[in-house]
């Protein structure tokens, strides 16, 4: 294969767009998902701020967004995306649906991570008079940090696949390039290059996550 259809300047430009989408969406996903996951944990039955009704409502909302395929979700919230960013296409138009899709997913991972913390540690902090916020900040998050790092890694890898699918609505990045040239124009060499770059990106993200997990596991 000669890669005669590959325009390397465009490949690197779209790779930058993919990293831009991934970086911004991951930051917002971590912030929103962490908050939502902590609330889900705290309001769960038998937890510090047990509120079964609140938990049930949030759980249903999270499950709804997690169950909708990303392509359908992306198209269905286009009016909201355009209102929020001024456009529903390009890199800017891709970030809101990426966050809306990934934040509930990450929230569930956060909730699961916090549930793995030893109940005895939480009860000991309560016995010492720690407030709920202090328990979250000084006990839950530090104790669950390894699991949370793994959750961030899983979410980042998932977002890579979402950024590729955003090409369906002209979201830019490698996915858009693969769709326009690799699929619509049958340029197999372009498709191959974009797939290889996406695989490499996933491997890099997973390797970084594994290194961080090993580092914090030893502490």
Foldseek 3Di string as FASTA:
>chain_A
DPLPVDDVVQQVVLQVLLVVLLVVLLVLLCVLLLVLLLVLQQCDPPHVNPDVVVNVVSVVQLVVLQPDPLVVQLVVCQVVLCVVQVHCAESSNLRVSLSSNLNSVLSVLNNVLLVPFDPVQLVVCVVVPDDPVCCVVPPRCLRSVLSNLVSSLVSSLVSLVSCLVSLVRNHTHLNVQCCVPCPPVVPVSSVVVSVVVSVVVNVVSVVVSVVVSVVSVVD
